[in-house]
């Protein structure tokens, strides 16, 4: 077992396996951890992970493969959490018992308010005050092709990253850029939280394609076929409200279309046309990704409950009306029978219930410590 670990990857889904493959191929020592022992068993038998697609065909050794969080993160410089936002609380609770002050926690990717949520749990459990880095998007477009093989169709070329507390940024960014040189520092985690584009991309596609998803069990191309002009207009409406919330904090954030183009996910033609519909149609990395088989998907559980619900909380703190956001939260709750206002990352869980703008901005700058 390796004594030195560069990056401990917590989560063995699409993003976690892609990270283990990419970082391992670039010569870094990696550990891979998930709480599901059966999920890890194929990787343990193989001794690593397999990659295909943009990285080529490769079997990549992994130094440690374990369900034990403390073992996975022992001696690691960076602890990278690559699970959907509903799993952040589990790993934050586990990390609170084993973090050391010299480590960095990276949320790859985050959702709206993820750093605030994780920091609040760590502070409540008496963990060391470590930098928490929030990425606004996952570093890869990827899907598992088999129990051990991940297909990476493209890396994100531009990633916005912010550090909590903000005064740790100067010393933290170079450490993280060692692994992901494409990250671009943001002024606070409000910026990365309010550039959570999955929260505007996925809920509209899921709710407006409910009949197709449930009738075919997802037997269609989710982005290429599922994004019709009407769906694209709903994505644009959600995006306009997201930008309005950011403006309420005097923040300028890129549009979904600008992000999608700058990240390398679509063509210059679509960017110049100014069309979200054309941008998603032109997205080669996303073209063949199949739709979820049911509404029990992270595209709703995560992107409504941990994307739109905290966006609503941030909007309320600055008095910005977000009727489309509220509509999709309501429709998702009706369609699934889950009250996302109650089970999602609401204001109480973020620690901003009743907060005014200045309170939220201070929390996003210094954290809950």
Protein backbone atom coordinates (compact mmCIF):
# COMPACT_ATOMS: atom_id res chain seq x y z
CA UNK A 1 0.00 0.00 0.00
CA UNK A 2 1.39 3.38 -1.01
CA UNK A 3 2.42 5.68 1.85
CA UNK A 4 2.16 8.80 -0.28
CA UNK A 5 -1.14 9.80 -1.83
CA UNK A 6 -1.52 12.91 -3.92
CA UNK A 7 -5.30 12.85 -4.30
CA UNK A 8 -7.88 10.84 -2.39
CA UNK A 9 -10.96 10.46 -4.58
CA UNK A 10 -14.15 9.96 -2.59
CA UNK A 11 -16.82 8.55 -4.84
CA UNK A 12 -16.57 5.81 -7.46
CA UNK A 13 -19.20 6.94 -9.94
CA UNK A 14 -18.65 8.52 -13.32
CA UNK A 15 -16.65 11.53 -12.11
CA UNK A 16 -14.65 9.72 -9.44
CA UNK A 17 -13.50 6.93 -11.75
CA UNK A 18 -12.67 9.47 -14.47
CA UNK A 19 -10.59 11.45 -12.00
CA UNK A 20 -8.76 8.33 -10.81
CA UNK A 21 -7.99 7.38 -14.41
CA UNK A 22 -6.90 10.84 -15.54
CA UNK A 23 -4.79 11.66 -12.49
CA UNK A 24 -3.22 8.21 -12.46
CA UNK A 25 -2.30 8.47 -16.14
CA UNK A 26 -0.61 11.78 -15.37
CA UNK A 27 1.59 10.15 -12.75
CA UNK A 28 -0.17 11.06 -9.52
CA UNK A 29 -0.72 8.61 -6.68
CA UNK A 30 -4.46 8.18 -6.14
CA UNK A 31 -6.74 6.45 -3.69
CA UNK A 32 -10.34 5.57 -4.53
CA UNK A 33 -13.06 5.28 -1.91
CA UNK A 34 -16.79 4.72 -1.82
CA UNK A 35 -19.09 3.47 0.92
CA UNK A 36 -20.53 0.68 -1.25
CA UNK A 37 -18.30 -2.38 -0.85
CA UNK A 38 -19.88 -4.19 -3.80
CA UNK A 39 -19.24 -1.18 -6.02
CA UNK A 40 -15.54 -1.29 -5.13
CA UNK A 41 -15.08 -5.03 -5.55
CA UNK A 42 -14.51 -5.01 -9.36
CA UNK A 43 -11.88 -2.26 -8.97
CA UNK A 44 -10.17 -4.17 -6.17
CA UNK A 45 -10.00 -7.30 -8.33
CA UNK A 46 -8.56 -5.27 -11.20
CA UNK A 47 -6.23 -3.25 -8.99
CA UNK A 48 -7.30 -0.03 -10.63
CA UNK A 49 -9.67 1.50 -13.16
CA UNK A 50 -10.04 1.40 -16.94
CA UNK A 51 -10.41 4.35 -19.28
CA UNK A 52 -11.56 4.76 -22.83
CA UNK A 53 -12.41 7.71 -25.04
CA UNK A 54 -10.53 11.02 -24.98
CA UNK A 55 -7.73 9.62 -22.80
CA UNK A 56 -7.24 6.57 -25.00
CA UNK A 57 -7.49 2.95 -23.89
CA UNK A 58 -5.75 2.29 -20.58
CA UNK A 59 -5.81 0.29 -17.39
CA UNK A 60 -4.67 2.60 -14.62
CA UNK A 61 -3.39 1.25 -11.27
CA UNK A 62 -4.84 2.82 -8.12
CA UNK A 63 -2.70 2.86 -4.98
CA UNK A 64 -5.51 2.36 -2.46
CA UNK A 65 -9.06 1.13 -3.07
CA UNK A 66 -11.12 1.11 0.11
CA UNK A 67 -14.47 1.82 1.75
CA UNK A 68 -12.67 3.34 4.75
CA UNK A 69 -12.60 7.13 4.39
CA UNK A 70 -9.85 7.54 7.00
CA UNK A 71 -7.65 5.05 5.15
CA UNK A 72 -8.34 6.66 1.80
CA UNK A 73 -7.39 10.18 2.92
CA UNK A 74 -4.42 9.27 5.12
CA UNK A 75 -1.40 11.24 3.89
CA UNK A 76 -3.29 12.79 0.95
CA UNK A 77 -2.58 16.37 -0.07
CA UNK A 78 -5.99 16.85 -1.73
CA UNK A 79 -9.25 15.14 -0.81
CA UNK A 80 -11.56 15.29 -3.80
CA UNK A 81 -15.25 14.62 -3.21
CA UNK A 82 -16.81 13.44 -6.48
CA UNK A 83 -20.28 12.40 -5.41
CA UNK A 84 -23.64 14.02 -6.13
CA UNK A 85 -24.49 16.75 -3.64
CA UNK A 86 -26.93 14.57 -1.61
CA UNK A 87 -23.86 12.51 -0.62
CA UNK A 88 -21.82 15.46 0.64
CA UNK A 89 -23.19 15.23 4.18
CA UNK A 90 -22.07 11.60 4.54
CA UNK A 91 -18.49 12.36 3.51
CA UNK A 92 -18.36 15.59 5.51
CA UNK A 93 -19.34 13.66 8.64
CA UNK A 94 -16.68 11.02 7.91
CA UNK A 95 -13.99 13.60 7.11
CA UNK A 96 -14.67 15.51 10.32
CA UNK A 97 -13.15 12.57 12.20
CA UNK A 98 -9.92 12.27 10.19
CA UNK A 99 -9.01 15.56 8.47
CA UNK A 100 -5.61 17.07 9.19
CA UNK A 101 -4.93 20.84 9.02
CA UNK A 102 -2.57 20.54 6.03
CA UNK A 103 -5.16 18.97 3.71
CA UNK A 104 -7.42 20.57 1.10
CA UNK A 105 -10.98 19.45 0.35
CA UNK A 106 -12.13 19.85 -3.25
CA UNK A 107 -15.78 19.51 -4.27
CA UNK A 108 -15.63 18.26 -7.87
CA UNK A 109 -18.22 19.19 -8.84
CA UNK A 110 -20.20 21.21 -6.39
CA UNK A 111 -23.80 22.22 -6.51
CA UNK A 112 -25.40 25.44 -5.31
CA UNK A 113 -24.14 26.14 -1.79
CA UNK A 114 -22.10 22.93 -1.52
CA UNK A 115 -19.05 24.52 0.13
CA UNK A 116 -21.24 26.34 2.66
CA UNK A 117 -23.04 23.07 3.44
CA UNK A 118 -19.87 21.00 3.87
CA UNK A 119 -18.11 23.72 5.88
CA UNK A 120 -21.09 23.98 8.23
CA UNK A 121 -20.99 20.25 8.98
CA UNK A 122 -17.21 20.26 9.51
CA UNK A 123 -17.42 23.27 11.82
CA UNK A 124 -20.28 21.74 13.83
CA UNK A 125 -18.25 18.54 14.29
CA UNK A 126 -15.10 20.37 15.42
CA UNK A 127 -12.97 19.45 12.38
CA UNK A 128 -9.82 21.46 11.57
CA UNK A 129 -10.38 24.65 9.55
CA UNK A 130 -9.18 23.44 6.16
CA UNK A 131 -9.66 25.14 2.78
CA UNK A 132 -12.71 23.91 0.88
CA UNK A 133 -12.50 24.40 -2.89
CA UNK A 134 -15.72 24.48 -4.87
CA UNK A 135 -15.63 23.66 -8.61
CA UNK A 136 -18.61 24.97 -10.54
CA UNK A 137 -18.61 21.99 -12.92
CA UNK A 138 -17.28 18.46 -13.07
CA UNK A 139 -13.85 18.25 -14.69
CA UNK A 140 -14.96 15.58 -17.19
CA UNK A 141 -17.85 14.64 -19.45
CA UNK A 142 -17.96 10.93 -18.76
CA UNK A 143 -20.11 7.86 -18.24
CA UNK A 144 -19.33 4.41 -16.90
CA UNK A 145 -19.15 1.92 -19.78
CA UNK A 146 -18.77 -1.16 -17.54
CA UNK A 147 -18.29 -1.82 -13.81
CA UNK A 148 -14.59 -0.84 -14.10
CA UNK A 149 -14.39 1.20 -17.30
CA UNK A 150 -15.19 4.88 -17.74
CA UNK A 151 -15.69 6.51 -21.11
CA UNK A 152 -14.39 10.09 -21.02
CA UNK A 153 -15.72 12.01 -24.01
CA UNK A 154 -14.04 15.26 -23.05
CA UNK A 155 -12.47 17.24 -20.22
CA UNK A 156 -13.84 20.62 -19.19
CA UNK A 157 -11.43 23.19 -20.59
CA UNK A 158 -12.48 25.95 -18.18
CA UNK A 159 -13.46 25.47 -14.56
CA UNK A 160 -14.36 28.19 -12.09
CA UNK A 161 -13.07 27.49 -8.59
CA UNK A 162 -13.47 29.33 -5.29
CA UNK A 163 -12.01 28.74 -1.83
CA UNK A 164 -13.76 28.92 1.53
CA UNK A 165 -12.51 30.79 3.51
CA UNK A 166 -11.57 33.27 0.80
CA UNK A 167 -8.35 34.37 2.55
CA UNK A 168 -6.94 30.85 2.01
CA UNK A 169 -7.13 31.22 -1.76
CA UNK A 170 -3.62 32.51 -2.40
CA UNK A 171 -2.00 29.46 -0.83
CA UNK A 172 -4.63 26.97 -1.99
CA UNK A 173 -5.06 27.66 -5.71
CA UNK A 174 -1.49 26.62 -6.68
CA UNK A 175 -1.91 23.34 -4.83
CA UNK A 176 -5.08 22.51 -6.73
CA UNK A 177 -3.79 23.81 -10.07
CA UNK A 178 -1.05 21.20 -9.84
CA UNK A 179 -3.77 18.69 -10.70
CA UNK A 180 -6.16 20.87 -12.70
CA UNK A 181 -4.25 23.76 -14.31
CA UNK A 182 -7.38 24.90 -16.16
CA UNK A 183 -9.14 26.15 -13.03
CA UNK A 184 -9.82 29.87 -12.91
CA UNK A 185 -9.99 31.44 -9.44
CA UNK A 186 -13.27 33.09 -8.47
CA UNK A 187 -13.69 35.72 -5.77
CA UNK A 188 -15.95 33.68 -3.49
CA UNK A 189 -18.04 30.54 -3.32
CA UNK A 190 -21.07 32.66 -4.16
CA UNK A 191 -19.63 32.94 -7.66
CA UNK A 192 -19.17 29.20 -8.13
CA UNK A 193 -22.51 28.41 -6.49
CA UNK A 194 -24.26 30.87 -8.79
CA UNK A 195 -22.57 29.39 -11.86
CA UNK A 196 -24.05 25.97 -11.22
CA UNK A 197 -25.25 25.29 -14.74
CA UNK A 198 -26.57 21.79 -14.08
CA UNK A 199 -29.32 23.40 -12.03
CA UNK A 200 -30.57 25.24 -15.12
CA UNK A 201 -29.81 22.47 -17.63
CA UNK A 202 -31.21 19.31 -16.09
CA UNK A 203 -34.51 20.11 -14.31
CA UNK A 204 -36.09 21.55 -17.45
CA UNK A 205 -35.09 18.55 -19.55
CA UNK A 206 -36.29 16.05 -16.97
CA UNK A 207 -39.67 17.59 -16.17
CA UNK A 208 -40.54 18.54 -19.75
CA UNK A 209 -39.55 15.06 -20.99
CA UNK A 210 -41.26 13.13 -18.17
CA UNK A 211 -43.60 11.22 -20.46
CA UNK A 212 -40.81 10.20 -22.83
CA UNK A 213 -38.53 9.15 -19.98
CA UNK A 214 -41.16 7.06 -18.23
CA UNK A 215 -42.58 5.54 -21.42
CA UNK A 216 -39.22 4.51 -22.93
CA UNK A 217 -37.17 4.04 -19.72
CA UNK A 218 -34.80 6.66 -21.08
CA UNK A 219 -34.26 5.12 -24.51
CA UNK A 220 -33.26 8.35 -26.22
CA UNK A 221 -30.38 10.80 -26.35
CA UNK A 222 -31.08 13.04 -23.37
CA UNK A 223 -29.41 16.19 -24.63
CA UNK A 224 -29.48 15.83 -28.43
CA UNK A 225 -33.05 14.56 -28.75
CA UNK A 226 -34.54 15.75 -25.47
CA UNK A 227 -33.62 19.42 -25.87
CA UNK A 228 -36.27 20.78 -28.22
CA UNK A 229 -36.72 24.51 -28.81
CA UNK A 230 -39.32 24.65 -26.02
CA UNK A 231 -37.03 22.91 -23.54
CA UNK A 232 -34.21 25.25 -24.55
CA UNK A 233 -36.42 28.27 -23.83
CA UNK A 234 -37.13 26.90 -20.34
CA UNK A 235 -33.37 26.45 -19.78
CA UNK A 236 -32.84 30.06 -20.85
CA UNK A 237 -35.57 31.26 -18.45
CA UNK A 238 -33.96 29.42 -15.53
CA UNK A 239 -30.60 30.82 -16.54
CA UNK A 240 -31.91 34.40 -16.65
CA UNK A 241 -33.22 34.00 -13.10
CA UNK A 242 -29.90 32.54 -11.94
CA UNK A 243 -28.12 35.57 -13.40
CA UNK A 244 -30.63 37.89 -11.70
CA UNK A 245 -29.80 36.31 -8.32
CA UNK A 246 -26.09 36.79 -9.01
CA UNK A 247 -26.76 40.43 -9.90
CA UNK A 248 -28.52 40.78 -6.56
CA UNK A 249 -25.11 40.15 -4.98
CA UNK A 250 -23.42 42.50 -7.49
CA UNK A 251 -21.85 39.52 -9.24
CA UNK A 252 -21.55 39.14 -12.98
CA UNK A 253 -21.70 35.51 -14.06
CA UNK A 254 -21.51 34.10 -17.59
CA UNK A 255 -24.63 32.89 -19.28
CA UNK A 256 -25.19 29.18 -19.73
CA UNK A 257 -24.40 29.60 -23.41
CA UNK A 258 -21.13 31.41 -22.71
CA UNK A 259 -20.06 28.77 -20.20
CA UNK A 260 -21.00 25.93 -22.54
CA UNK A 261 -18.89 27.39 -25.33
CA UNK A 262 -15.89 28.45 -23.20
CA UNK A 263 -15.75 25.00 -21.58
CA UNK A 264 -15.39 23.43 -25.02
CA UNK A 265 -18.74 21.66 -24.99
CA UNK A 266 -20.15 23.19 -28.18
CA UNK A 267 -19.26 24.90 -31.44
CA UNK A 268 -18.38 28.47 -32.31
CA UNK A 269 -21.27 28.41 -34.78
CA UNK A 270 -23.78 27.89 -31.96
CA UNK A 271 -22.09 30.50 -29.80
CA UNK A 272 -22.25 33.09 -32.58
CA UNK A 273 -25.88 32.19 -33.25
CA UNK A 274 -26.67 32.97 -29.61
CA UNK A 275 -28.81 29.84 -29.35
CA UNK A 276 -28.97 27.49 -26.37
CA UNK A 277 -30.90 25.06 -28.55
CA UNK A 278 -28.20 25.00 -31.22
CA UNK A 279 -25.45 24.83 -28.58
CA UNK A 280 -26.85 21.66 -27.05
CA UNK A 281 -27.57 20.17 -30.48
CA UNK A 282 -23.97 20.86 -31.52
CA UNK A 283 -22.43 19.39 -28.36
CA UNK A 284 -20.42 16.38 -29.52
CA UNK A 285 -19.34 15.28 -26.00
CA UNK A 286 -22.98 15.16 -24.88
CA UNK A 287 -24.55 13.83 -28.07
CA UNK A 288 -24.80 10.14 -27.23
CA UNK A 289 -25.51 10.35 -23.50
CA UNK A 290 -28.72 8.45 -22.84
CA UNK A 291 -31.55 9.78 -20.74
CA UNK A 292 -32.07 8.57 -17.17
CA UNK A 293 -34.29 5.51 -16.99
CA UNK A 294 -36.73 7.14 -14.56
CA UNK A 295 -37.35 10.33 -12.61
CA UNK A 296 -35.38 8.80 -9.75
CA UNK A 297 -32.27 10.46 -11.06
CA UNK A 298 -29.63 12.84 -9.78
CA UNK A 299 -30.81 15.20 -12.53
CA UNK A 300 -33.80 15.83 -10.24
CA UNK A 301 -32.70 14.71 -6.78
CA UNK A 302 -29.46 16.69 -7.01
CA UNK A 303 -30.19 19.45 -9.49
CA UNK A 304 -33.57 20.37 -8.04
CA UNK A 305 -33.03 19.53 -4.37
CA UNK A 306 -29.43 20.76 -4.18
CA UNK A 307 -29.44 23.14 -7.14
CA UNK A 308 -32.72 25.00 -7.45
CA UNK A 309 -33.76 24.84 -3.78
CA UNK A 310 -30.60 26.59 -2.48
CA UNK A 311 -30.78 28.98 -5.44
CA UNK A 312 -34.23 29.96 -4.17
CA UNK A 313 -32.78 30.49 -0.67
CA UNK A 314 -30.05 32.75 -2.06
CA UNK A 315 -32.65 34.64 -4.11
CA UNK A 316 -34.84 35.25 -1.07
CA UNK A 317 -31.90 36.77 0.84
CA UNK A 318 -31.64 39.53 -1.77
CA UNK A 319 -35.33 39.82 -2.60
CA UNK A 320 -35.07 38.57 -6.19
CA UNK A 321 -38.17 36.92 -7.67
CA UNK A 322 -37.49 33.57 -9.36
CA UNK A 323 -40.88 32.25 -10.55
CA UNK A 324 -39.45 29.74 -13.03
CA UNK A 325 -37.16 28.28 -10.36
CA UNK A 326 -40.13 27.94 -8.00
CA UNK A 327 -42.25 26.39 -10.75
CA UNK A 328 -39.72 23.66 -11.52
CA UNK A 329 -39.22 22.90 -7.83
CA UNK A 330 -42.99 22.54 -7.49
CA UNK A 331 -43.40 20.43 -10.66
CA UNK A 332 -40.50 18.15 -9.72
CA UNK A 333 -42.06 17.63 -6.29
CA UNK A 334 -45.46 16.83 -7.83
CA UNK A 335 -44.04 14.47 -10.46
CA UNK A 336 -41.87 12.50 -8.02
CA UNK A 337 -43.93 12.74 -4.83
CA UNK A 338 -40.89 14.20 -3.03
CA UNK A 339 -41.14 17.61 -1.35
CA UNK A 340 -37.81 19.07 -2.43
CA UNK A 341 -38.33 22.24 -0.42
CA UNK A 342 -38.19 20.03 2.67
CA UNK A 343 -35.56 17.43 1.75
CA UNK A 344 -33.29 19.65 -0.35
CA UNK A 345 -30.54 22.05 0.65
CA UNK A 346 -32.86 24.68 2.05
CA UNK A 347 -31.94 27.84 3.93
CA UNK A 348 -31.78 26.16 7.36
CA UNK A 349 -29.28 23.55 6.14
CA UNK A 350 -27.19 26.26 4.48
CA UNK A 351 -27.21 28.32 7.66
CA UNK A 352 -28.86 31.34 5.98
CA UNK A 353 -32.45 31.14 7.24
CA UNK A 354 -33.63 34.73 7.68
CA UNK A 355 -30.27 36.06 6.48
CA UNK A 356 -29.85 39.32 4.65
CA UNK A 357 -27.44 39.91 1.78
CA UNK A 358 -24.59 41.06 4.06
CA UNK A 359 -24.93 37.93 6.20
CA UNK A 360 -24.72 35.65 3.17
CA UNK A 361 -21.74 37.53 1.74
CA UNK A 362 -19.87 37.32 5.04
CA UNK A 363 -20.57 33.58 5.34
CA UNK A 364 -19.33 33.06 1.76
CA UNK A 365 -16.15 34.98 2.60
CA UNK A 366 -15.14 33.62 6.04
CA UNK A 367 -17.22 30.49 6.47
CA UNK A 368 -19.01 29.28 9.61
CA UNK A 369 -15.93 28.91 11.81
